[in-house]
Amino acid sequence: MESTNKLFISCEEAKYICDKNQYGEASLIEVIKLNIRLAYCKVTRAYSKRNTRLTKTIKSSNIKSISPVDKERMKQQIQEELTK
């Protein structure tokens, strides 16, 4: 990443900080830099808005994943069917 002593950051760095911020991993100075970028960059604002919407959607979804044991069993069943 670029130098951390600049207040004006690139769009790519802003996206990186935005992603970190979604997971609560961004430092205070990074959040300040991101907010400065958000104030004048339409592209970064759009990215941040989509990122926030995606995070909320994932958190509110009731997705259940398959257990590793069940996944392995399914793989074995598929392999058995393919070898027949």
PDB file of N, CA and C in Angstrom:
ATOM      1  N   MET A   1       0.835  -1.192   0.000  1.00  0.00           N
ATOM      2  CA  MET A   1       0.000   0.000   0.000  1.00  0.00           C
ATOM      3  C   MET A   1       0.878   1.253   0.000  1.00  0.00           C
ATOM      4  N   GLU A   2       0.252   2.358  -0.181  1.00  0.00           N
ATOM      5  CA  GLU A   2       0.968   3.624  -0.250  1.00  0.00           C
ATOM      6  C   GLU A   2       1.325   4.125   1.145  1.00  0.00           C
ATOM      7  N   SER A   3       2.082   5.186   1.183  1.00  0.00           N
ATOM      8  CA  SER A   3       2.512   5.787   2.435  1.00  0.00           C
ATOM      9  C   SER A   3       1.306   6.162   3.296  1.00  0.00           C
ATOM     10  N   THR A   4       1.414   5.940   4.600  1.00  0.00           N
ATOM     11  CA  THR A   4       0.292   6.203   5.495  1.00  0.00           C
ATOM     12  C   THR A   4       0.265   7.634   6.017  1.00  0.00           C
ATOM     13  N   ASN A   5       1.234   8.476   5.634  1.00  0.00           N
ATOM     14  CA  ASN A   5       1.225   9.840   6.149  1.00  0.00           C
ATOM     15  C   ASN A   5       0.463  10.806   5.247  1.00  0.00           C
ATOM     16  N   LYS A   6      -0.111  10.335   4.153  1.00  0.00           N
ATOM     17  CA  LYS A   6      -0.890  11.190   3.264  1.00  0.00           C
ATOM     18  C   LYS A   6      -2.362  11.136   3.651  1.00  0.00           C
ATOM     19  N   LEU A   7      -3.022  12.266   3.585  1.00  0.00           N
ATOM     20  CA  LEU A   7      -4.457  12.293   3.861  1.00  0.00           C
ATOM     21  C   LEU A   7      -5.270  11.984   2.615  1.00  0.00           C
ATOM     22  N   PHE A   8      -4.721  12.282   1.448  1.00  0.00           N
ATOM     23  CA  PHE A   8      -5.412  12.005   0.204  1.00  0.00           C
ATOM     24  C   PHE A   8      -4.892  10.687  -0.350  1.00  0.00           C
ATOM     25  N   ILE A   9      -5.787   9.741  -0.498  1.00  0.00           N
ATOM     26  CA  ILE A   9      -5.406   8.399  -0.908  1.00  0.00           C
ATOM     27  C   ILE A   9      -5.988   8.075  -2.281  1.00  0.00           C
ATOM     28  N   SER A  10      -5.432   7.074  -2.905  1.00  0.00           N
ATOM     29  CA  SER A  10      -5.930   6.646  -4.216  1.00  0.00           C
ATOM     30  C   SER A  10      -7.255   5.917  -4.049  1.00  0.00           C
ATOM     31  N   CYS A  11      -7.934   5.754  -5.149  1.00  0.00           N
ATOM     32  CA  CYS A  11      -9.204   5.027  -5.137  1.00  0.00           C
ATOM     33  C   CYS A  11      -8.972   3.571  -4.717  1.00  0.00           C
ATOM     34  N   GLU A  12      -7.897   2.964  -5.200  1.00  0.00           N
ATOM     35  CA  GLU A  12      -7.589   1.576  -4.848  1.00  0.00           C
ATOM     36  C   GLU A  12      -7.328   1.433  -3.347  1.00  0.00           C
ATOM     37  N   GLU A  13      -6.578   2.369  -2.779  1.00  0.00           N
ATOM     38  CA  GLU A  13      -6.315   2.312  -1.340  1.00  0.00           C
ATOM     39  C   GLU A  13      -7.605   2.532  -0.555  1.00  0.00           C
ATOM     40  N   ALA A  14      -8.465   3.410  -1.052  1.00  0.00           N
ATOM     41  CA  ALA A  14      -9.747   3.657  -0.388  1.00  0.00           C
ATOM     42  C   ALA A  14     -10.605   2.393  -0.381  1.00  0.00           C
ATOM     43  N   LYS A  15     -10.594   1.652  -1.481  1.00  0.00           N
ATOM     44  CA  LYS A  15     -11.353   0.397  -1.546  1.00  0.00           C
ATOM     45  C   LYS A  15     -10.808  -0.603  -0.532  1.00  0.00           C
ATOM     46  N   TYR A  16      -9.492  -0.667  -0.434  1.00  0.00           N
ATOM     47  CA  TYR A  16      -8.848  -1.577   0.518  1.00  0.00           C
ATOM     48  C   TYR A  16      -9.247  -1.203   1.956  1.00  0.00           C
ATOM     49  N   ILE A  17      -9.199   0.071   2.272  1.00  0.00           N
ATOM     50  CA  ILE A  17      -9.571   0.534   3.617  1.00  0.00           C
ATOM     51  C   ILE A  17     -11.063   0.308   3.860  1.00  0.00           C
ATOM     52  N   CYS A  18     -11.870   0.517   2.839  1.00  0.00           N
ATOM     53  CA  CYS A  18     -13.313   0.284   2.958  1.00  0.00           C
ATOM     54  C   CYS A  18     -13.579  -1.168   3.331  1.00  0.00           C
ATOM     55  N   ASP A  19     -12.890  -2.082   2.664  1.00  0.00           N
ATOM     56  CA  ASP A  19     -13.039  -3.502   2.980  1.00  0.00           C
ATOM     57  C   ASP A  19     -12.614  -3.795   4.413  1.00  0.00           C
ATOM     58  N   LYS A  20     -11.483  -3.229   4.830  1.00  0.00           N
ATOM     59  CA  LYS A  20     -11.017  -3.421   6.205  1.00  0.00           C
ATOM     60  C   LYS A  20     -12.020  -2.853   7.200  1.00  0.00           C
ATOM     61  N   ASN A  21     -12.590  -1.712   6.873  1.00  0.00           N
ATOM     62  CA  ASN A  21     -13.538  -1.054   7.761  1.00  0.00           C
ATOM     63  C   ASN A  21     -14.799  -1.890   7.948  1.00  0.00           C
ATOM     64  N   GLN A  22     -15.225  -2.593   6.915  1.00  0.00           N
ATOM     65  CA  GLN A  22     -16.412  -3.447   7.006  1.00  0.00           C
ATOM     66  C   GLN A  22     -16.237  -4.525   8.067  1.00  0.00           C
ATOM     67  N   TYR A  23     -14.990  -4.947   8.286  1.00  0.00           N
ATOM     68  CA  TYR A  23     -14.707  -5.987   9.274  1.00  0.00           C
ATOM     69  C   TYR A  23     -14.164  -5.417  10.580  1.00  0.00           C
ATOM     70  N   GLY A  24     -14.196  -4.096  10.721  1.00  0.00           N
ATOM     71  CA  GLY A  24     -13.733  -3.455  11.947  1.00  0.00           C
ATOM     72  C   GLY A  24     -12.231  -3.513  12.130  1.00  0.00           C
ATOM     73  N   GLU A  25     -11.484  -3.637  11.029  1.00  0.00           N
ATOM     74  CA  GLU A  25     -10.037  -3.772  11.105  1.00  0.00           C
ATOM     75  C   GLU A  25      -9.282  -2.511  10.700  1.00  0.00           C
ATOM     76  N   ALA A  26      -9.982  -1.477  10.299  1.00  0.00           N
ATOM     77  CA  ALA A  26      -9.327  -0.244   9.864  1.00  0.00           C
ATOM     78  C   ALA A  26      -8.955   0.604  11.074  1.00  0.00           C
ATOM     79  N   SER A  27      -7.777   1.222  11.011  1.00  0.00           N
ATOM     80  CA  SER A  27      -7.340   2.106  12.088  1.00  0.00           C
ATOM     81  C   SER A  27      -8.077   3.443  11.988  1.00  0.00           C
ATOM     82  N   LEU A  28      -7.964   4.250  13.032  1.00  0.00           N
ATOM     83  CA  LEU A  28      -8.624   5.554  13.051  1.00  0.00           C
ATOM     84  C   LEU A  28      -8.136   6.429  11.906  1.00  0.00           C
ATOM     85  N   ILE A  29      -6.829   6.457  11.659  1.00  0.00           N
ATOM     86  CA  ILE A  29      -6.292   7.294  10.583  1.00  0.00           C
ATOM     87  C   ILE A  29      -6.779   6.800   9.224  1.00  0.00           C
ATOM     88  N   GLU A  30      -6.923   5.482   9.064  1.00  0.00           N
ATOM     89  CA  GLU A  30      -7.438   4.939   7.809  1.00  0.00           C
ATOM     90  C   GLU A  30      -8.895   5.350   7.596  1.00  0.00           C
ATOM     91  N   VAL A  31      -9.677   5.324   8.657  1.00  0.00           N
ATOM     92  CA  VAL A  31     -11.085   5.731   8.555  1.00  0.00           C
ATOM     93  C   VAL A  31     -11.181   7.212   8.195  1.00  0.00           C
ATOM     94  N   ILE A  32     -10.314   8.015   8.778  1.00  0.00           N
ATOM     95  CA  ILE A  32     -10.295   9.451   8.455  1.00  0.00           C
ATOM     96  C   ILE A  32      -9.950   9.648   6.986  1.00  0.00           C
ATOM     97  N   LYS A  33      -8.915   8.955   6.516  1.00  0.00           N
ATOM     98  CA  LYS A  33      -8.527   9.056   5.105  1.00  0.00           C
ATOM     99  C   LYS A  33      -9.666   8.601   4.195  1.00  0.00           C
ATOM    100  N   LEU A  34     -10.324   7.520   4.569  1.00  0.00           N
ATOM    101  CA  LEU A  34     -11.443   7.020   3.777  1.00  0.00           C
ATOM    102  C   LEU A  34     -12.564   8.049   3.716  1.00  0.00           C
ATOM    103  N   ASN A  35     -12.891   8.651   4.846  1.00  0.00           N
ATOM    104  CA  ASN A  35     -13.958   9.651   4.881  1.00  0.00           C
ATOM    105  C   ASN A  35     -13.620  10.874   4.038  1.00  0.00           C
ATOM    106  N   ILE A  36     -12.350  11.265   4.026  1.00  0.00           N
ATOM    107  CA  ILE A  36     -11.936  12.379   3.164  1.00  0.00           C
ATOM    108  C   ILE A  36     -12.161  11.990   1.702  1.00  0.00           C
ATOM    109  N   ARG A  37     -11.752  10.785   1.347  1.00  0.00           N
ATOM    110  CA  ARG A  37     -11.927  10.309  -0.032  1.00  0.00           C
ATOM    111  C   ARG A  37     -13.416  10.219  -0.396  1.00  0.00           C
ATOM    112  N   LEU A  38     -14.232   9.730   0.550  1.00  0.00           N
ATOM    113  CA  LEU A  38     -15.666   9.608   0.299  1.00  0.00           C
ATOM    114  C   LEU A  38     -16.314  10.967   0.045  1.00  0.00           C
ATOM    115  N   ALA A  39     -15.763  12.022   0.633  1.00  0.00           N
ATOM    116  CA  ALA A  39     -16.333  13.359   0.498  1.00  0.00           C
ATOM    117  C   ALA A  39     -16.251  13.879  -0.942  1.00  0.00           C
ATOM    118  N   TYR A  40     -15.238  13.435  -1.695  1.00  0.00           N
ATOM    119  CA  TYR A  40     -15.083  13.998  -3.036  1.00  0.00           C
ATOM    120  C   TYR A  40     -15.065  12.973  -4.167  1.00  0.00           C
ATOM    121  N   CYS A  41     -15.111  11.690  -3.862  1.00  0.00           N
ATOM    122  CA  CYS A  41     -14.989  10.682  -4.917  1.00  0.00           C
ATOM    123  C   CYS A  41     -16.278   9.879  -5.070  1.00  0.00           C
ATOM    124  N   LYS A  42     -16.941  10.075  -6.192  1.00  0.00           N
ATOM    125  CA  LYS A  42     -18.198   9.399  -6.477  1.00  0.00           C
ATOM    126  C   LYS A  42     -18.000   7.883  -6.616  1.00  0.00           C
ATOM    127  N   VAL A  43     -16.897   7.477  -7.205  1.00  0.00           N
ATOM    128  CA  VAL A  43     -16.614   6.050  -7.404  1.00  0.00           C
ATOM    129  C   VAL A  43     -16.424   5.348  -6.054  1.00  0.00           C
ATOM    130  N   THR A  44     -15.678   5.971  -5.155  1.00  0.00           N
ATOM    131  CA  THR A  44     -15.449   5.382  -3.833  1.00  0.00           C
ATOM    132  C   THR A  44     -16.746   5.332  -3.039  1.00  0.00           C
ATOM    133  N   ARG A  45     -17.567   6.372  -3.136  1.00  0.00           N
ATOM    134  CA  ARG A  45     -18.862   6.359  -2.444  1.00  0.00           C
ATOM    135  C   ARG A  45     -19.731   5.212  -2.931  1.00  0.00           C
ATOM    136  N   ALA A  46     -19.763   5.004  -4.242  1.00  0.00           N
ATOM    137  CA  ALA A  46     -20.563   3.915  -4.812  1.00  0.00           C
ATOM    138  C   ALA A  46     -20.037   2.564  -4.340  1.00  0.00           C
ATOM    139  N   TYR A  47     -18.713   2.398  -4.316  1.00  0.00           N
ATOM    140  CA  TYR A  47     -18.107   1.155  -3.850  1.00  0.00           C
ATOM    141  C   TYR A  47     -18.464   0.905  -2.388  1.00  0.00           C
ATOM    142  N   SER A  48     -18.346   1.945  -1.579  1.00  0.00           N
ATOM    143  CA  SER A  48     -18.646   1.827  -0.152  1.00  0.00           C
ATOM    144  C   SER A  48     -20.109   1.472   0.071  1.00  0.00           C
ATOM    145  N   LYS A  49     -20.987   2.081  -0.696  1.00  0.00           N
ATOM    146  CA  LYS A  49     -22.424   1.811  -0.564  1.00  0.00           C
ATOM    147  C   LYS A  49     -22.733   0.357  -0.923  1.00  0.00           C
ATOM    148  N   ARG A  50     -22.161  -0.123  -2.037  1.00  0.00           N
ATOM    149  CA  ARG A  50     -22.368  -1.525  -2.435  1.00  0.00           C
ATOM    150  C   ARG A  50     -21.781  -2.480  -1.393  1.00  0.00           C
ATOM    151  N   ASN A  51     -20.620  -2.140  -0.868  1.00  0.00           N
ATOM    152  CA  ASN A  51     -19.958  -2.964   0.134  1.00  0.00           C
ATOM    153  C   ASN A  51     -20.808  -3.064   1.404  1.00  0.00           C
ATOM    154  N   THR A  52     -21.365  -1.951   1.832  1.00  0.00           N
ATOM    155  CA  THR A  52     -22.220  -1.930   3.016  1.00  0.00           C
ATOM    156  C   THR A  52     -23.481  -2.748   2.783  1.00  0.00           C
ATOM    157  N   ARG A  53     -24.078  -2.584   1.613  1.00  0.00           N
ATOM    158  CA  ARG A  53     -25.297  -3.325   1.278  1.00  0.00           C
ATOM    159  C   ARG A  53     -25.021  -4.829   1.252  1.00  0.00           C
ATOM    160  N   LEU A  54     -23.896  -5.222   0.676  1.00  0.00           N
ATOM    161  CA  LEU A  54     -23.529  -6.636   0.619  1.00  0.00           C
ATOM    162  C   LEU A  54     -23.327  -7.205   2.019  1.00  0.00           C
ATOM    163  N   THR A  55     -22.631  -6.473   2.873  1.00  0.00           N
ATOM    164  CA  THR A  55     -22.385  -6.922   4.241  1.00  0.00           C
ATOM    165  C   THR A  55     -23.702  -7.093   4.995  1.00  0.00           C
ATOM    166  N   LYS A  56     -24.622  -6.138   4.868  1.00  0.00           N
ATOM    167  CA  LYS A  56     -25.919  -6.236   5.541  1.00  0.00           C
ATOM    168  C   LYS A  56     -26.713  -7.424   5.027  1.00  0.00           C
ATOM    169  N   THR A  57     -26.679  -7.655   3.721  1.00  0.00           N
ATOM    170  CA  THR A  57     -27.405  -8.774   3.128  1.00  0.00           C
ATOM    171  C   THR A  57     -26.872 -10.103   3.645  1.00  0.00           C
ATOM    172  N   ILE A  58     -25.576 -10.231   3.684  1.00  0.00           N
ATOM    173  CA  ILE A  58     -24.969 -11.477   4.165  1.00  0.00           C
ATOM    174  C   ILE A  58     -25.292 -11.704   5.635  1.00  0.00           C
ATOM    175  N   LYS A  59     -25.208 -10.646   6.442  1.00  0.00           N
ATOM    176  CA  LYS A  59     -25.503 -10.785   7.873  1.00  0.00           C
ATOM    177  C   LYS A  59     -26.959 -11.142   8.123  1.00  0.00           C
ATOM    178  N   SER A  60     -27.860 -10.626   7.303  1.00  0.00           N
ATOM    179  CA  SER A  60     -29.286 -10.882   7.523  1.00  0.00           C
ATOM    180  C   SER A  60     -29.768 -12.181   6.887  1.00  0.00           C
ATOM    181  N   SER A  61     -28.931 -12.782   6.060  1.00  0.00           N
ATOM    182  CA  SER A  61     -29.341 -14.036   5.417  1.00  0.00           C
ATOM    183  C   SER A  61     -29.274 -15.181   6.421  1.00  0.00           C
ATOM    184  N   ASN A  62     -30.015 -16.200   6.126  1.00  0.00           N
ATOM    185  CA  ASN A  62     -30.060 -17.357   7.018  1.00  0.00           C
ATOM    186  C   ASN A  62     -29.438 -18.549   6.295  1.00  0.00           C
ATOM    187  N   ILE A  63     -28.236 -18.336   5.788  1.00  0.00           N
ATOM    188  CA  ILE A  63     -27.550 -19.364   5.022  1.00  0.00           C
ATOM    189  C   ILE A  63     -26.924 -20.377   5.971  1.00  0.00           C
ATOM    190  N   LYS A  64     -27.154 -21.609   5.664  1.00  0.00           N
ATOM    191  CA  LYS A  64     -26.552 -22.688   6.439  1.00  0.00           C
ATOM    192  C   LYS A  64     -25.595 -23.424   5.516  1.00  0.00           C
ATOM    193  N   SER A  65     -24.397 -23.670   5.989  1.00  0.00           N
ATOM    194  CA  SER A  65     -23.430 -24.386   5.157  1.00  0.00           C
ATOM    195  C   SER A  65     -23.399 -25.856   5.553  1.00  0.00           C
ATOM    196  N   ILE A  66     -22.916 -26.638   4.637  1.00  0.00           N
ATOM    197  CA  ILE A  66     -22.860 -28.077   4.861  1.00  0.00           C
ATOM    198  C   ILE A  66     -21.643 -28.401   5.743  1.00  0.00           C
ATOM    199  N   SER A  67     -21.806 -29.369   6.606  1.00  0.00           N
ATOM    200  CA  SER A  67     -20.702 -29.742   7.496  1.00  0.00           C
ATOM    201  C   SER A  67     -19.621 -30.444   6.688  1.00  0.00           C
ATOM    202  N   PRO A  68     -18.387 -30.381   7.142  1.00  0.00           N
ATOM    203  CA  PRO A  68     -17.294 -31.055   6.429  1.00  0.00           C
ATOM    204  C   PRO A  68     -17.525 -32.565   6.292  1.00  0.00           C
ATOM    205  N   VAL A  69     -18.131 -33.174   7.284  1.00  0.00           N
ATOM    206  CA  VAL A  69     -18.405 -34.616   7.231  1.00  0.00           C
ATOM    207  C   VAL A  69     -19.409 -34.913   6.115  1.00  0.00           C
ATOM    208  N   ASP A  70     -20.500 -34.143   6.061  1.00  0.00           N
ATOM    209  CA  ASP A  70     -21.494 -34.333   5.015  1.00  0.00           C
ATOM    210  C   ASP A  70     -20.914 -34.046   3.627  1.00  0.00           C
ATOM    211  N   LYS A  71     -20.068 -33.040   3.550  1.00  0.00           N
ATOM    212  CA  LYS A  71     -19.441 -32.693   2.280  1.00  0.00           C
ATOM    213  C   LYS A  71     -18.576 -33.853   1.777  1.00  0.00           C
ATOM    214  N   GLU A  72     -17.798 -34.433   2.655  1.00  0.00           N
ATOM    215  CA  GLU A  72     -16.933 -35.552   2.283  1.00  0.00           C
ATOM    216  C   GLU A  72     -17.773 -36.757   1.854  1.00  0.00           C
ATOM    217  N   ARG A  73     -18.850 -37.003   2.559  1.00  0.00           N
ATOM    218  CA  ARG A  73     -19.745 -38.109   2.216  1.00  0.00           C
ATOM    219  C   ARG A  73     -20.347 -37.904   0.817  1.00  0.00           C
ATOM    220  N   MET A  74     -20.742 -36.676   0.519  1.00  0.00           N
ATOM    221  CA  MET A  74     -21.294 -36.376  -0.799  1.00  0.00           C
ATOM    222  C   MET A  74     -20.246 -36.582  -1.889  1.00  0.00           C
ATOM    223  N   LYS A  75     -19.013 -36.176  -1.619  1.00  0.00           N
ATOM    224  CA  LYS A  75     -17.939 -36.369  -2.582  1.00  0.00           C
ATOM    225  C   LYS A  75     -17.737 -37.851  -2.887  1.00  0.00           C
ATOM    226  N   GLN A  76     -17.763 -38.642  -1.830  1.00  0.00           N
ATOM    227  CA  GLN A  76     -17.586 -40.079  -2.002  1.00  0.00           C
ATOM    228  C   GLN A  76     -18.729 -40.674  -2.824  1.00  0.00           C
ATOM    229  N   GLN A  77     -19.950 -40.245  -2.558  1.00  0.00           N
ATOM    230  CA  GLN A  77     -21.101 -40.737  -3.307  1.00  0.00           C
ATOM    231  C   GLN A  77     -20.989 -40.368  -4.785  1.00  0.00           C
ATOM    232  N   ILE A  78     -20.547 -39.170  -5.050  1.00  0.00           N
ATOM    233  CA  ILE A  78     -20.386 -38.725  -6.439  1.00  0.00           C
ATOM    234  C   ILE A  78     -19.311 -39.553  -7.131  1.00  0.00           C
ATOM    235  N   GLN A  79     -18.195 -39.761  -6.435  1.00  0.00           N
ATOM    236  CA  GLN A  79     -17.123 -40.580  -7.004  1.00  0.00           C
ATOM    237  C   GLN A  79     -17.600 -41.994  -7.299  1.00  0.00           C
ATOM    238  N   GLU A  80     -18.377 -42.561  -6.412  1.00  0.00           N
ATOM    239  CA  GLU A  80     -18.911 -43.902  -6.602  1.00  0.00           C
ATOM    240  C   GLU A  80     -19.811 -43.937  -7.833  1.00  0.00           C
ATOM    241  N   GLU A  81     -20.639 -42.906  -7.985  1.00  0.00           N
ATOM    242  CA  GLU A  81     -21.544 -42.859  -9.137  1.00  0.00           C
ATOM    243  C   GLU A  81     -20.758 -42.696 -10.444  1.00  0.00           C
ATOM    244  N   LEU A  82     -19.677 -41.946 -10.399  1.00  0.00           N
ATOM    245  CA  LEU A  82     -18.885 -41.722 -11.602  1.00  0.00           C
ATOM    246  C   LEU A  82     -18.109 -42.969 -12.019  1.00  0.00           C
ATOM    247  N   THR A  83     -17.743 -43.789 -11.067  1.00  0.00           N
ATOM    248  CA  THR A  83     -16.977 -45.007 -11.394  1.00  0.00           C
ATOM    249  C   THR A  83     -17.859 -46.158 -11.854  1.00  0.00           C
ATOM    250  N   LYS A  84     -19.144 -46.047 -11.742  1.00  0.00           N
ATOM    251  CA  LYS A  84     -20.054 -47.127 -12.172  1.00  0.00           C
ATOM    252  C   LYS A  84     -20.149 -47.213 -13.663  1.00  0.00           C
TER     253      LYS A  84
END
